[in-house]
Protein backbone atom coordinates (compact mmCIF):
# COMPACT_ATOMS: atom_id res chain seq x y z
CA UNK A 1 27.38 8.69 5.54
CA UNK A 2 24.32 7.68 3.56
CA UNK A 3 22.03 10.61 2.84
CA UNK A 4 18.35 10.50 3.67
CA UNK A 5 17.40 10.49 0.00
CA UNK A 6 19.77 7.69 -0.96
CA UNK A 7 18.79 5.70 2.09
CA UNK A 8 15.13 5.77 1.18
CA UNK A 9 16.02 4.89 -2.39
CA UNK A 10 18.11 2.01 -1.06
CA UNK A 11 15.05 0.77 0.80
CA UNK A 12 13.18 0.78 -2.49
CA UNK A 13 16.09 -0.95 -4.19
CA UNK A 14 16.03 -3.73 -1.63
CA UNK A 15 12.54 -4.58 -2.92
CA UNK A 16 13.78 -4.28 -6.62
CA UNK A 17 7.07 -1.64 3.23
CA UNK A 18 -11.52 -7.52 19.58
CA UNK A 19 -13.85 -6.24 22.09
CA UNK A 20 -13.12 -4.44 25.38
CA UNK A 21 -10.27 -5.68 27.54
CA UNK A 22 -10.77 -8.95 29.36
CA UNK A 23 -11.27 -8.82 33.09
CA UNK A 24 -7.87 -9.70 34.47
CA UNK A 25 -6.54 -9.45 38.02
CA UNK A 26 -5.19 -6.08 39.07
CA UNK A 27 -1.59 -6.10 40.26
CA UNK A 28 -0.08 -4.20 43.15
CA UNK A 29 2.40 -1.71 41.71
CA UNK A 30 5.01 0.28 43.55
CA UNK A 31 7.57 2.96 42.93
CA UNK A 32 10.25 1.88 40.51
CA UNK A 33 8.71 -1.56 40.05
CA UNK A 34 8.91 -3.66 36.91
CA UNK A 35 6.54 -6.54 36.36
CA UNK A 36 5.01 -8.69 33.67
CA UNK A 37 1.27 -8.58 33.17
CA UNK A 38 -0.75 -11.12 31.24
CA UNK A 39 -3.06 -9.98 28.45
CA UNK A 40 -6.39 -11.51 27.47
CA UNK A 41 -4.69 -13.99 25.07
CA UNK A 42 -1.99 -14.99 27.57
CA UNK A 43 0.81 -12.82 26.16
CA UNK A 44 2.95 -11.32 28.91
CA UNK A 45 3.98 -7.66 28.65
CA UNK A 46 6.93 -6.07 30.45
CA UNK A 47 5.74 -3.01 32.39
CA UNK A 48 7.71 -0.29 34.23
CA UNK A 49 5.97 1.82 36.86
CA UNK A 50 7.96 4.75 38.26
CA UNK A 51 5.44 5.21 41.07
CA UNK A 52 4.42 8.69 42.15
CA UNK A 53 1.12 9.66 43.71
CA UNK A 54 0.13 12.28 41.13
CA UNK A 55 -1.73 12.05 37.87
CA UNK A 56 -1.07 8.92 35.85
CA UNK A 57 0.70 8.88 32.50
CA UNK A 58 0.79 5.77 30.29
CA UNK A 59 3.31 5.89 27.43
CA UNK A 60 3.53 3.70 24.33
CA UNK A 61 6.67 3.51 22.22
CA UNK A 62 7.89 3.79 18.65
CA UNK A 63 8.70 0.97 16.22
CA UNK A 64 11.16 -0.77 16.41
CA UNK A 65 12.13 0.31 19.95
CA UNK A 66 10.75 -0.38 23.44
CA UNK A 67 9.72 1.40 26.63
CA UNK A 68 13.30 2.48 27.35
CA UNK A 69 13.02 5.23 24.73
CA UNK A 70 10.85 7.08 27.28
CA UNK A 71 13.31 6.73 30.19
CA UNK A 72 14.31 10.42 30.30
CA UNK A 73 10.71 11.68 30.21
CA UNK A 74 9.56 9.01 32.67
CA UNK A 75 12.26 9.96 35.18
CA UNK A 76 11.56 13.68 34.94
CA UNK A 77 7.79 13.32 35.11
CA UNK A 78 8.16 11.00 38.10
CA UNK A 79 10.34 13.59 39.86
CA UNK A 80 7.55 16.09 39.23
CA UNK A 81 5.15 13.82 41.11
CA UNK A 82 3.39 12.00 38.28
CA UNK A 83 2.92 8.26 38.12
CA UNK A 84 4.41 7.02 34.86
CA UNK A 85 3.69 3.61 33.33
CA UNK A 86 5.61 2.47 30.27
CA UNK A 87 5.61 -0.97 28.67
CA UNK A 88 7.12 -2.96 25.83
CA UNK A 89 4.67 -3.74 23.03
CA UNK A 90 4.12 -7.45 22.36
CA UNK A 91 6.93 -8.73 20.18
CA UNK A 92 9.34 -6.03 21.36
CA UNK A 93 11.79 -5.52 24.20
CA UNK A 94 11.24 -7.81 27.18
CA UNK A 95 7.63 -8.69 26.38
CA UNK A 96 6.56 -12.04 24.98
CA UNK A 97 6.98 -12.55 21.26
CA UNK A 98 3.99 -14.56 20.03
CA UNK A 99 3.58 -15.67 16.43
CA UNK A 100 0.69 -13.30 15.79
CA UNK A 101 -1.47 -10.52 17.16
CA UNK A 102 0.38 -7.67 15.48
CA UNK A 103 -2.63 -5.55 14.61
CA UNK A 104 -4.02 -2.41 16.22
CA UNK A 105 -7.12 -4.05 17.67
CA UNK A 106 -4.86 -6.40 19.62
CA UNK A 107 -2.45 -3.58 20.54
CA UNK A 108 -5.38 -1.52 21.86
CA UNK A 109 -6.64 -4.48 23.87
CA UNK A 110 -3.15 -4.96 25.29
CA UNK A 111 -3.12 -1.29 26.30
CA UNK A 112 -6.52 -1.79 27.93
CA UNK A 113 -5.04 -4.67 29.96
CA UNK A 114 -2.12 -2.47 31.06
CA UNK A 115 -4.52 0.27 32.17
CA UNK A 116 -6.81 -2.17 33.94
CA UNK A 117 -4.11 -4.14 35.76
CA UNK A 118 -2.09 -1.11 36.86
CA UNK A 119 -5.29 0.47 38.13
CA UNK A 120 -4.65 3.90 36.63
CA UNK A 121 -7.56 6.35 36.40
CA UNK A 122 -7.97 9.63 34.53
CA UNK A 123 -4.69 8.91 32.80
CA UNK A 124 -2.92 10.79 30.05
CA UNK A 125 -2.07 8.39 27.21
CA UNK A 126 1.03 9.38 25.28
CA UNK A 127 1.90 7.61 22.04
CA UNK A 128 5.18 8.02 20.16
CA UNK A 129 5.28 7.24 16.44
CA UNK A 130 3.51 3.88 15.99
CA UNK A 131 2.35 4.25 19.60
CA UNK A 132 0.12 7.13 18.50
CA UNK A 133 -1.95 4.68 16.51
CA UNK A 134 -2.39 2.56 19.63
CA UNK A 135 -3.67 5.60 21.50
CA UNK A 136 -6.21 6.47 18.82
CA UNK A 137 -7.40 2.88 18.47
CA UNK A 138 -7.71 2.52 22.25
CA UNK A 139 -9.81 5.70 22.47
CA UNK A 140 -12.10 4.55 19.67
CA UNK A 141 -12.28 0.84 20.54
CA UNK A 142 -12.50 1.22 24.32
CA UNK A 143 -14.44 4.48 24.40
CA UNK A 144 -11.68 6.38 26.17
CA UNK A 145 -12.11 4.37 29.37
CA UNK A 146 -10.01 5.78 32.25
CA UNK A 147 -8.39 8.39 29.99
CA UNK A 148 -8.52 12.13 30.60
CA UNK A 149 -6.01 13.41 28.01
CA UNK A 150 -3.90 12.21 25.11
CA UNK A 151 -0.48 13.09 23.73
CA UNK A 152 0.67 12.24 20.20
CA UNK A 153 4.41 12.60 19.61
CA UNK A 154 5.64 12.18 16.04
CA UNK A 155 2.57 10.00 15.80
CA UNK A 156 1.57 7.66 13.00
CA UNK A 157 -2.07 8.22 13.93
CA UNK A 158 -3.56 9.36 10.61
CA UNK A 159 -2.68 7.25 7.53
CA UNK A 160 0.89 6.64 6.42
CA UNK A 161 0.30 4.91 3.10
CA UNK A 162 0.11 7.13 0.04
CA UNK A 163 -3.13 6.60 -1.88
CA UNK A 164 -5.28 8.62 -4.25
CA UNK A 165 -7.15 10.13 -1.32
CA UNK A 166 -4.07 10.41 0.90
CA UNK A 167 -1.43 12.27 -1.15
CA UNK A 168 0.59 13.21 1.97
CA UNK A 169 1.42 9.55 2.61
CA UNK A 170 4.51 7.51 1.73
CA UNK A 171 4.80 5.23 -1.29
CA UNK A 172 4.03 1.61 -0.44
CA UNK A 173 7.26 0.40 -2.02
CA UNK A 174 9.19 2.13 0.77
CA UNK A 175 7.46 -0.04 3.36
CA UNK A 176 8.11 -3.16 1.27
CA UNK A 177 11.78 -2.19 1.17
CA UNK A 178 11.85 -1.78 4.94
CA UNK A 179 10.38 -5.25 5.44
CA UNK A 180 12.92 -6.78 3.09
CA UNK A 181 15.75 -4.93 4.81
CA UNK A 182 14.66 -6.22 8.23
CA UNK A 183 14.59 -9.78 6.90
CA UNK A 184 18.11 -9.46 5.51
CA UNK A 185 21.07 -8.17 7.53
CA UNK A 186 18.76 -6.81 10.18
CA UNK A 187 21.36 -5.23 12.43
CA UNK A 188 23.14 -3.37 9.63
CA UNK A 189 19.87 -2.30 8.05
CA UNK A 190 18.32 -0.99 11.26
CA UNK A 191 21.54 0.78 12.23
CA UNK A 192 21.33 2.79 9.02
CA UNK A 193 17.59 3.34 9.30
CA UNK A 194 17.85 4.63 12.86
CA UNK A 195 20.86 6.83 12.12
CA UNK A 196 19.85 8.34 8.79
CA UNK A 197 16.05 8.34 8.87
CA UNK A 198 14.67 7.96 12.40
CA UNK A 199 17.22 10.18 14.16
CA UNK A 200 18.45 11.94 11.00
CA UNK A 201 21.93 12.25 12.49
CA UNK A 202 23.16 14.90 10.06
CA UNK A 203 20.45 17.32 11.18
CA UNK A 204 21.35 19.75 14.01
CA UNK A 205 19.42 19.02 17.21
CA UNK A 206 19.39 20.16 20.82
CA UNK A 207 20.78 16.81 21.93
CA UNK A 208 23.27 15.74 19.30
CA UNK A 209 22.87 12.33 17.71
CA UNK A 210 25.95 10.58 19.06
CA UNK A 211 27.15 7.08 18.29
CA UNK A 212 26.04 6.16 21.81
CA UNK A 213 22.48 7.31 21.02
CA UNK A 214 22.48 5.28 17.81
CA UNK A 215 23.87 2.23 19.62
CA UNK A 216 21.23 2.56 22.34
CA UNK A 217 18.32 2.67 19.91
CA UNK A 218 19.80 -0.20 17.90
CA UNK A 219 20.09 -2.30 21.07
CA UNK A 220 16.40 -1.68 21.74
CA UNK A 221 15.48 -2.60 18.16
CA UNK A 222 17.45 -5.83 18.27
CA UNK A 223 15.43 -7.03 21.28
CA UNK A 224 12.36 -7.31 19.06
CA UNK A 225 11.53 -10.44 17.10
CA UNK A 226 11.95 -10.34 13.34
CA UNK A 227 8.33 -11.46 12.91
CA UNK A 228 7.00 -8.61 15.06
CA UNK A 229 9.29 -6.04 13.44
CA UNK A 230 8.10 -7.02 9.96
CA UNK A 231 4.41 -7.45 10.82
CA UNK A 232 4.25 -4.04 12.47
CA UNK A 233 5.45 -2.36 9.28
CA UNK A 234 2.23 -3.50 7.60
CA UNK A 235 0.22 -2.54 10.68
CA UNK A 236 1.42 1.08 10.92
CA UNK A 237 1.64 1.61 7.16
CA UNK A 238 -1.72 0.22 6.13
CA UNK A 239 -4.01 1.16 9.03
CA UNK A 240 -6.17 4.16 8.20
CA UNK A 241 -6.99 5.96 11.44
CA UNK A 242 -8.72 8.92 9.77
CA UNK A 243 -12.28 7.71 10.48
CA UNK A 244 -11.35 7.20 14.15
CA UNK A 245 -9.96 10.64 14.91
CA UNK A 246 -13.44 11.94 15.68
CA UNK A 247 -13.57 9.38 18.52
CA UNK A 248 -10.72 11.20 20.27
CA UNK A 249 -12.87 13.32 22.56
CA UNK A 250 -10.26 14.26 25.18
CA UNK A 251 -7.86 17.23 25.12
CA UNK A 252 -4.95 16.16 22.93
CA UNK A 253 -1.44 17.53 22.52
CA UNK A 254 0.32 16.89 19.20
CA UNK A 255 4.11 17.33 19.09
CA UNK A 256 5.73 16.91 15.67
CA UNK A 257 9.03 17.77 14.01
CA UNK A 258 8.74 19.69 10.76
CA UNK A 259 11.63 17.67 9.27
CA UNK A 260 10.24 14.28 10.27
CA UNK A 261 10.98 11.71 7.54
CA UNK A 262 9.16 8.50 8.66
CA UNK A 263 5.98 10.40 9.63
CA UNK A 264 5.98 13.60 7.56
CA UNK A 265 4.88 16.77 9.30
CA UNK A 266 1.87 17.02 6.96
CA UNK A 267 0.55 13.84 8.56
CA UNK A 268 1.03 15.24 12.06
CA UNK A 269 -0.78 18.41 11.03
CA UNK A 270 -3.64 16.42 9.49
CA UNK A 271 -3.90 14.36 12.68
CA UNK A 272 -4.27 17.51 14.77
CA UNK A 273 -6.90 18.84 12.35
CA UNK A 274 -8.90 15.62 12.77
CA UNK A 275 -9.03 15.80 16.58
CA UNK A 276 -11.55 18.28 17.92
CA UNK A 277 -9.72 19.27 21.12
CA UNK A 278 -6.16 19.24 19.85
CA UNK A 279 -3.21 21.59 20.17
CA UNK A 280 -0.34 21.23 17.69
CA UNK A 281 3.17 22.28 18.68
CA UNK A 282 5.65 22.32 15.82
CA UNK A 283 9.30 21.49 16.43
CA UNK A 284 11.05 23.46 13.66
CA UNK A 285 13.59 21.44 11.64
CA UNK A 286 13.34 18.53 14.11
CA UNK A 287 13.51 14.88 13.08
CA UNK A 288 11.32 11.93 13.97
CA UNK A 289 13.60 11.23 16.93
CA UNK A 290 12.41 14.18 19.04
CA UNK A 291 11.88 12.07 22.17
CA UNK A 292 15.69 11.75 22.19
CA UNK A 293 16.99 14.68 20.16
CA UNK A 294 14.67 17.26 21.80
CA UNK A 295 14.13 15.32 25.00
CA UNK A 296 13.97 18.23 27.45
CA UNK A 297 11.52 20.23 25.37
CA UNK A 298 9.32 17.16 24.87
CA UNK A 299 9.39 16.64 28.64
CA UNK A 300 8.47 20.27 29.37
CA UNK A 301 5.65 20.31 26.83
CA UNK A 302 4.19 17.04 28.12
CA UNK A 303 4.50 18.07 31.76
CA UNK A 304 2.78 21.40 31.18
CA UNK A 305 -0.02 19.68 29.27
CA UNK A 306 -0.55 16.91 31.83
CA UNK A 307 -0.60 19.42 34.72
CA UNK A 308 -3.00 21.82 33.01
C-alpha cells in the first residue's frame, strides 16, 4: 500500500493543487424527504431533510464527497429529535453541475438559499473539511442570519496554502498535483487519495477503514463533475478565511484529528484561536476522515453541543 509520504510525493510528481441570498419560494419539507431546491442563479441542489421537530442542524460536506457522508450523524441526530438538513454542493452528488460558480461567495449564497427555502431558524451550521469554509463565509457574508451555533469538523476554514505568513499551510505544488491527478485517471487517483490521505487507512481508528468504506467514499466522489472537483481544489486551497474568523460570533465547536493530513491539526487549532466563542476538541491520532472513522464520537460531541 502506498504510504502517506510517497502518496503526497506522487501528487507532486504528477505536476512534474455576491450579496445576500435571493428571495426564493420556501418549500414544504417533511420527515425523510428529499427535494431539489433552486438557487439564485438557477442551479438546483439536492437536499435531504430527516424531519424532526427539534432544533435544526444544517450540514455541509467535504470535497470530493456529498451529503451522504453525514448519513450516520443525520440518522442519530434525527432519532434524538433534531431536524437535520444535508445537501450536495453544486457540482457534486445529485446536485446540478454548472460550468462555473465554484467559489465561496457562491457556495455561501447557495447555503443561504438552502436555509431560506427549508425555513430553518436558529440553526446549527456544521461544516466538514471544505464545508467549514462555507460555514465561515456564510457567517461573514450573510451576517449569521438564522444561525445560533456553528460546528467545524476537520475544517478547511483558516488558510490551507503555505505562504510566508502562513507557515502551517501546505505547499501549493501539492494542490497542483491533486488537480492533475483528478484530470488523469480520476477513479484510480481518488481511490488512492481517499484511502491513503483522507481516511489514512493504515492508521488505527475506532471504525476501521474497510474496503467497503473506501468504495463508498469513492462512489460519492465519482458522482461529482471533473470541472467542479478541480475548481474546488483552487477554492479551498487559495481562499484565506483568516480575516473572516472574527465575523463568527456564535458559539462554535471545533473537532479536529491530530493526525489529519489534508487539513493539518495546526490549521484546526489556529481556526479555533481565531473564533472568539470556540471550543476545540482534539481527536488524538485521528485522520481527516473522522466523520467516518470516529463517527460515534463525532455524533456524541455534536449532539451535546447542539443541545447545550
